Protein backbone atom coordinates (compact mmCIF):
# COMPACT_ATOMS: atom_id res chain seq x y z
CA UNK A 1 83.44 5.65 -54.82
CA UNK A 2 80.77 7.37 -52.76
CA UNK A 3 81.10 5.45 -49.51
CA UNK A 4 79.67 8.65 -48.01
CA UNK A 5 78.11 11.50 -50.01
CA UNK A 6 78.81 14.62 -47.98
CA UNK A 7 80.40 17.30 -50.18
CA UNK A 8 80.30 18.73 -53.67
CA UNK A 9 84.10 18.46 -53.66
CA UNK A 10 83.81 14.67 -53.86
CA UNK A 11 82.10 14.86 -57.24
CA UNK A 12 84.21 14.86 -60.38
CA UNK A 13 82.79 16.10 -63.66
CA UNK A 14 82.56 12.47 -64.83
CA UNK A 15 80.72 11.55 -61.62
CA UNK A 16 78.31 14.43 -62.15
CA UNK A 17 77.46 13.35 -65.68
CA UNK A 18 77.05 9.70 -64.64
CA UNK A 19 74.67 10.70 -61.83
CA UNK A 20 72.71 12.95 -64.19
CA UNK A 21 72.40 10.10 -66.70
CA UNK A 22 71.20 7.70 -64.01
CA UNK A 23 68.70 10.20 -62.58
CA UNK A 24 67.33 10.93 -66.05
CA UNK A 25 66.97 7.18 -66.60
CA UNK A 26 64.99 6.85 -63.36
CA UNK A 27 62.82 9.78 -64.47
CA UNK A 28 62.21 8.06 -67.81
CA UNK A 29 60.92 4.99 -66.01
CA UNK A 30 63.94 2.72 -65.54
CA UNK A 31 63.04 0.55 -62.53
CA UNK A 32 65.23 0.42 -59.45
CA UNK A 33 67.10 -2.90 -59.26
CA UNK A 34 65.99 -5.46 -56.70
CA UNK A 35 68.14 -5.82 -53.59
CA UNK A 36 68.20 -7.25 -50.12
CA UNK A 37 66.82 -5.08 -47.27
CA UNK A 38 68.56 -1.74 -46.73
CA UNK A 39 67.60 0.55 -43.84
CA UNK A 40 67.70 4.35 -43.93
CA UNK A 41 67.03 7.07 -41.36
CA UNK A 42 66.57 10.77 -42.09
CA UNK A 43 67.97 13.01 -39.35
CA UNK A 44 66.87 16.59 -39.95
CA UNK A 45 68.03 18.97 -37.23
CA UNK A 46 66.78 21.94 -39.28
CA UNK A 47 63.30 22.34 -40.72
CA UNK A 48 62.81 21.09 -44.26
CA UNK A 49 59.95 20.29 -46.60
CA UNK A 50 61.50 19.62 -50.03
CA UNK A 51 64.78 17.94 -49.11
CA UNK A 52 63.33 15.78 -46.33
CA UNK A 53 60.33 14.49 -48.25
CA UNK A 54 62.34 14.18 -51.47
CA UNK A 55 64.93 11.94 -49.81
CA UNK A 56 62.19 9.83 -48.23
CA UNK A 57 60.41 9.46 -51.56
CA UNK A 58 63.71 8.52 -53.22
CA UNK A 59 64.40 5.94 -50.51
CA UNK A 60 60.97 4.38 -50.90
CA UNK A 61 61.21 4.31 -54.71
CA UNK A 62 64.53 2.45 -54.32
CA UNK A 63 62.85 -0.07 -52.02
CA UNK A 64 64.65 1.00 -48.85
CA UNK A 65 63.04 0.58 -45.44
CA UNK A 66 62.77 4.03 -43.84
CA UNK A 67 63.10 4.11 -40.05
CA UNK A 68 61.45 7.25 -38.60
CA UNK A 69 63.68 9.63 -36.65
CA UNK A 70 62.50 12.85 -35.00
CA UNK A 71 65.26 14.90 -33.32
CA UNK A 72 62.67 16.57 -31.10
CA UNK A 73 61.73 13.23 -29.56
CA UNK A 74 65.18 11.64 -29.53
CA UNK A 75 67.94 11.42 -26.94
CA UNK A 76 69.48 14.52 -28.53
CA UNK A 77 67.09 16.45 -26.28
CA UNK A 78 68.78 14.77 -23.30
CA UNK A 79 72.24 15.87 -24.35
CA UNK A 80 73.31 12.94 -26.55
CA UNK A 81 76.04 13.95 -28.99
CA UNK A 82 75.53 13.63 -32.72
CA UNK A 83 78.42 11.17 -32.82
CA UNK A 84 76.75 8.94 -30.24
CA UNK A 85 73.44 9.19 -32.09
CA UNK A 86 75.11 7.94 -35.28
CA UNK A 87 76.92 5.16 -33.39
CA UNK A 88 73.59 4.13 -31.91
CA UNK A 89 71.88 3.97 -35.31
CA UNK A 90 74.78 1.95 -36.70
CA UNK A 91 74.57 -0.49 -33.80
CA UNK A 92 70.85 -0.92 -34.37
CA UNK A 93 71.43 -1.73 -38.03
CA UNK A 94 70.77 1.46 -39.98
CA UNK A 95 72.72 1.41 -43.26
CA UNK A 96 72.30 5.00 -44.48
CA UNK A 97 71.82 8.17 -42.43
CA UNK A 98 70.69 11.24 -44.35
CA UNK A 99 71.54 14.23 -42.17
CA UNK A 100 70.81 17.95 -42.20
CA UNK A 101 72.50 19.90 -39.44
CA UNK A 102 73.05 23.61 -38.69
CA UNK A 103 76.78 23.13 -38.00
CA UNK A 104 79.12 23.61 -40.97
CA UNK A 105 81.05 20.42 -41.88
CA UNK A 106 79.34 18.49 -39.05
CA UNK A 107 80.09 15.30 -41.00
CA UNK A 108 83.86 15.54 -40.60
CA UNK A 109 83.62 14.30 -36.99
CA UNK A 110 81.46 11.35 -38.07
CA UNK A 111 83.28 9.82 -41.04
CA UNK A 112 85.08 7.25 -38.85
CA UNK A 113 82.09 6.34 -36.66
CA UNK A 114 81.11 3.09 -38.33
CA UNK A 115 82.16 0.92 -41.27
CA UNK A 116 78.57 -0.29 -41.61
CA UNK A 117 76.78 3.09 -41.84
CA UNK A 118 77.02 5.56 -44.72
CA UNK A 119 76.24 9.26 -44.44
CA UNK A 120 74.55 11.46 -47.00
CA UNK A 121 74.70 15.18 -46.32
CA UNK A 122 71.34 16.91 -46.79
CA UNK A 123 72.83 20.30 -45.93
CA UNK A 124 75.30 21.59 -43.33
CA UNK A 125 74.81 25.12 -42.07
CA UNK A 126 76.00 27.54 -44.74
CA UNK A 127 78.45 24.96 -46.09
CA UNK A 128 77.49 22.24 -48.58
CA UNK A 129 74.29 20.97 -50.18
CA UNK A 130 75.43 18.28 -52.62
CA UNK A 131 71.99 16.87 -53.46
CA UNK A 132 70.67 20.34 -54.33
CA UNK A 133 73.74 20.89 -56.49
CA UNK A 134 73.13 17.65 -58.33
CA UNK A 135 69.41 18.25 -58.94
CA UNK A 136 70.26 21.76 -60.18
CA UNK A 137 72.75 20.25 -62.62
CA UNK A 138 70.16 17.73 -63.78
CA UNK A 139 67.61 20.51 -64.39
CA UNK A 140 70.08 22.60 -66.39
CA UNK A 141 71.23 19.56 -68.39
CA UNK A 142 67.62 18.61 -69.12
CA UNK A 143 66.99 22.13 -70.43
CA UNK A 144 70.15 22.82 -72.44
CA UNK A 145 71.83 19.43 -72.98
CA UNK A 146 75.28 20.73 -72.00
CA UNK A 147 77.01 23.17 -69.66
CA UNK A 148 79.87 24.48 -71.76
CA UNK A 149 79.47 28.16 -72.49
CA UNK A 150 76.24 28.62 -70.54
CA UNK A 151 76.00 31.85 -68.56
CA UNK A 152 74.70 31.27 -65.04
CA UNK A 153 73.75 34.10 -62.71
CA UNK A 154 73.60 33.31 -58.98
CA UNK A 155 71.78 36.08 -57.16
CA UNK A 156 70.85 36.81 -53.57
CA UNK A 157 71.98 35.77 -50.10
CA UNK A 158 75.46 34.55 -51.04
CA UNK A 159 76.77 34.94 -47.50
CA UNK A 160 74.53 32.21 -46.07
CA UNK A 161 73.96 29.97 -49.08
CA UNK A 162 75.23 26.38 -49.15
CA UNK A 163 73.63 26.12 -52.61
CA UNK A 164 75.83 28.91 -54.01
CA UNK A 165 78.99 27.32 -52.60
CA UNK A 166 78.22 23.92 -54.10
CA UNK A 167 76.80 25.01 -57.46
CA UNK A 168 79.37 27.66 -58.36
CA UNK A 169 82.29 25.28 -58.03
CA UNK A 170 80.79 22.46 -60.08
CA UNK A 171 79.27 24.67 -62.78
CA UNK A 172 82.65 26.30 -63.32
CA UNK A 173 84.33 22.89 -63.60
CA UNK A 174 81.73 21.82 -66.16
CA UNK A 175 82.51 24.80 -68.38
CA UNK A 176 79.77 27.27 -67.50
CA UNK A 177 80.46 30.95 -66.96
CA UNK A 178 79.24 31.92 -63.48
CA UNK A 179 78.41 35.46 -62.36
CA UNK A 180 77.02 36.78 -59.09
CA UNK A 181 74.72 39.57 -57.99
CA UNK A 182 72.63 40.79 -55.07
CA UNK A 183 73.75 42.99 -52.17
CA UNK A 184 77.42 43.72 -52.84
CA UNK A 185 78.36 43.19 -49.18
CA UNK A 186 77.26 39.53 -49.48
CA UNK A 187 79.73 38.86 -52.30
CA UNK A 188 82.60 37.47 -50.23
CA UNK A 189 86.14 36.92 -51.57
CA UNK A 190 85.67 33.15 -51.84
CA UNK A 191 83.35 33.66 -54.82
CA UNK A 192 85.86 35.63 -56.88
CA UNK A 193 87.58 32.41 -58.00
CA UNK A 194 84.36 31.37 -59.76
CA UNK A 195 83.22 34.60 -61.37
CA UNK A 196 82.66 38.34 -61.08
CA UNK A 197 80.04 40.43 -59.32
CA UNK A 198 77.73 42.07 -61.86
CA UNK A 199 74.95 44.57 -61.05
CA UNK A 200 71.59 42.85 -61.40
CA UNK A 201 70.22 45.02 -64.22
CA UNK A 202 73.34 44.20 -66.28
CA UNK A 203 73.38 40.50 -65.40
CA UNK A 204 69.75 39.56 -66.15
CA UNK A 205 69.82 40.15 -69.94
CA UNK A 206 73.03 38.08 -70.31
CA UNK A 207 72.23 34.84 -68.55
CA UNK A 208 70.80 31.51 -69.69
CA UNK A 209 70.02 30.50 -66.10
CA UNK A 210 69.07 32.92 -63.36
CA UNK A 211 69.52 31.07 -60.06
CA UNK A 212 67.93 33.01 -57.22
CA UNK A 213 68.74 32.39 -53.57
CA UNK A 214 66.39 32.73 -50.62
CA UNK A 215 67.14 35.47 -48.14
CA UNK A 216 67.82 33.37 -45.03
CA UNK A 217 66.41 35.61 -42.33
CA UNK A 218 66.76 32.81 -39.77
CA UNK A 219 70.56 33.20 -40.04
CA UNK A 220 70.50 37.00 -39.57
CA UNK A 221 71.36 38.57 -36.25
CA UNK A 222 68.83 40.82 -34.50
CA UNK A 223 70.23 44.03 -36.02
CA UNK A 224 70.22 42.56 -39.53
CA UNK A 225 66.64 41.36 -39.13
CA UNK A 226 65.49 44.74 -37.85
CA UNK A 227 67.10 46.53 -40.80
CA UNK A 228 65.77 44.19 -43.49
CA UNK A 229 62.83 45.29 -45.63
CA UNK A 230 61.23 42.81 -48.02
CA UNK A 231 59.87 45.62 -50.21
CA UNK A 232 63.23 47.38 -50.43
CA UNK A 233 65.07 44.15 -51.19
CA UNK A 234 62.64 43.23 -53.97
CA UNK A 235 62.95 46.67 -55.56
CA UNK A 236 66.78 46.67 -55.46
CA UNK A 237 67.84 43.02 -55.72
CA UNK A 238 64.74 41.01 -56.62
CA UNK A 239 63.54 40.08 -60.08
CA UNK A 240 60.47 42.19 -60.76
CA UNK A 241 58.11 41.61 -63.65
CA UNK A 242 59.67 44.59 -65.42
CA UNK A 243 63.23 43.30 -64.99
CA UNK A 244 62.20 39.80 -66.12
CA UNK A 245 61.16 41.25 -69.48
CA UNK A 246 64.85 41.90 -70.23
CA UNK A 247 65.72 38.17 -70.02
CA UNK A 248 66.46 36.07 -73.08
CA UNK A 249 63.29 34.22 -74.19
CA UNK A 250 65.20 30.92 -73.75
CA UNK A 251 66.46 31.75 -70.25
CA UNK A 252 65.07 30.06 -67.15
CA UNK A 253 64.59 30.86 -63.48
CA UNK A 254 65.78 28.48 -60.79
CA UNK A 255 65.52 28.66 -56.99
CA UNK A 256 66.36 26.08 -54.28
CA UNK A 257 63.13 27.06 -52.47
CA UNK A 258 61.26 27.82 -50.36
CA UNK A 259 60.70 30.98 -52.37
CA UNK A 260 59.96 34.23 -50.59
CA UNK A 261 57.41 35.42 -53.15
CA UNK A 262 57.76 39.11 -54.05
CA UNK A 263 61.16 39.20 -52.37
CA UNK A 264 63.66 37.27 -54.52
CA UNK A 265 61.19 36.89 -57.37
CA UNK A 266 57.84 38.43 -58.27
CA UNK A 267 55.13 35.95 -57.32
CA UNK A 268 53.67 35.72 -60.83
CA UNK A 269 57.09 34.68 -62.18
CA UNK A 270 57.40 31.74 -59.75
CA UNK A 271 54.64 29.96 -61.69
CA UNK A 272 55.48 31.48 -65.07
CA UNK A 273 56.65 29.76 -68.28
CA UNK A 274 60.35 30.46 -67.67
CA UNK A 275 60.32 29.07 -64.14
CA UNK A 276 61.82 25.64 -63.49
CA UNK A 277 61.44 25.85 -59.70
CA UNK A 278 58.93 23.02 -59.40
CA UNK A 279 60.78 21.03 -62.06
CA UNK A 280 63.81 21.17 -59.76
CA UNK A 281 61.72 19.68 -56.94
CA UNK A 282 60.45 16.91 -59.22
CA UNK A 283 63.97 16.16 -60.46
CA UNK A 284 65.24 16.05 -56.89
CA UNK A 285 63.58 12.70 -56.23
CA UNK A 286 65.29 11.01 -59.19
CA UNK A 287 68.67 12.59 -58.49
CA UNK A 288 68.54 11.54 -54.85
CA UNK A 289 67.69 8.02 -56.02
CA UNK A 290 70.85 8.08 -58.14
CA UNK A 291 72.95 9.38 -55.24
CA UNK A 292 71.63 6.87 -52.73
CA UNK A 293 72.11 4.04 -55.21
CA UNK A 294 75.73 5.12 -55.76
CA UNK A 295 76.32 4.95 -51.99
CA UNK A 296 74.63 1.55 -51.79
CA UNK A 297 76.87 0.23 -54.55
CA UNK A 298 80.03 1.59 -52.96
CA UNK A 299 79.12 -0.03 -49.63
CA UNK A 300 77.64 -3.19 -51.19
CA UNK A 301 74.44 -2.60 -49.24
CA UNK A 302 71.74 -5.02 -50.28
CA UNK A 303 74.04 -6.59 -52.87
CA UNK A 304 72.89 -4.07 -55.45
CA UNK A 305 73.82 -5.32 -58.93
CA UNK A 306 76.37 -3.17 -60.72
CA UNK A 307 75.34 -1.04 -63.68
CA UNK A 308 77.07 1.56 -65.77
CA UNK A 309 77.57 4.09 -62.95
CA UNK A 310 81.20 3.45 -62.04
CA UNK A 311 83.46 5.59 -59.85
């Protein structure tokens, strides 16, 4: 049961398929069930366009009441701890807090804060991004119908990517073959359990899904930023138009976005026929609806009627 939804490690393969099925049903037009009032707040301590607005759209489509929260105008600026902020929201009557925070595993200190407030992790530092993982799975399932035997290439800033951590684990458990590429120094030992490092020119012609990762310059130190060249990165580790011509005709591009055009991927390819980048964003609303609904059911928020999604 998803009493909180904070980590990819919580999700079994059966859970993943059930959430995909529910999200695809929402996308096909299945209405959200009626329920009593449920209150949600979105606490984003890092900048976000897609994840923040996608969660809010999902909340509104489910009929939740969204209570605005702006960290820049909250008591956090006066020194209030995150734990006390969550306790405050629980005391006021918030049922679900969707949180993005720069600290890895920030949620571990909060799991015992309140029996009446559920947490959904919208990204923690370079740790986990479970909703991105789930919308990625939905997009791949929608395209191929299954995961077994698919070859997935994850390419780019592996050292800072919460998406890579979450996706590689689940895709492997679902039967996909995962490979990695990008700057070799960013391929840390933790990834070896999921798949090998393969030079980009060798990887691209093999894969069914090429999942590109944004270079997270905001997490670089001053020396790393000074040494980084967008043009050099694109030439060595980005997917150029020429390299894209070696892909299988049935293969697709994915990217958690925002995309650094002409860095990870040639700009023309972002909008090209093999790109599913904006499909991922569209799917994110329906997957986040499924995730939030699962939490509501586990907590009995709003007396949501049970359906086939059981955990």
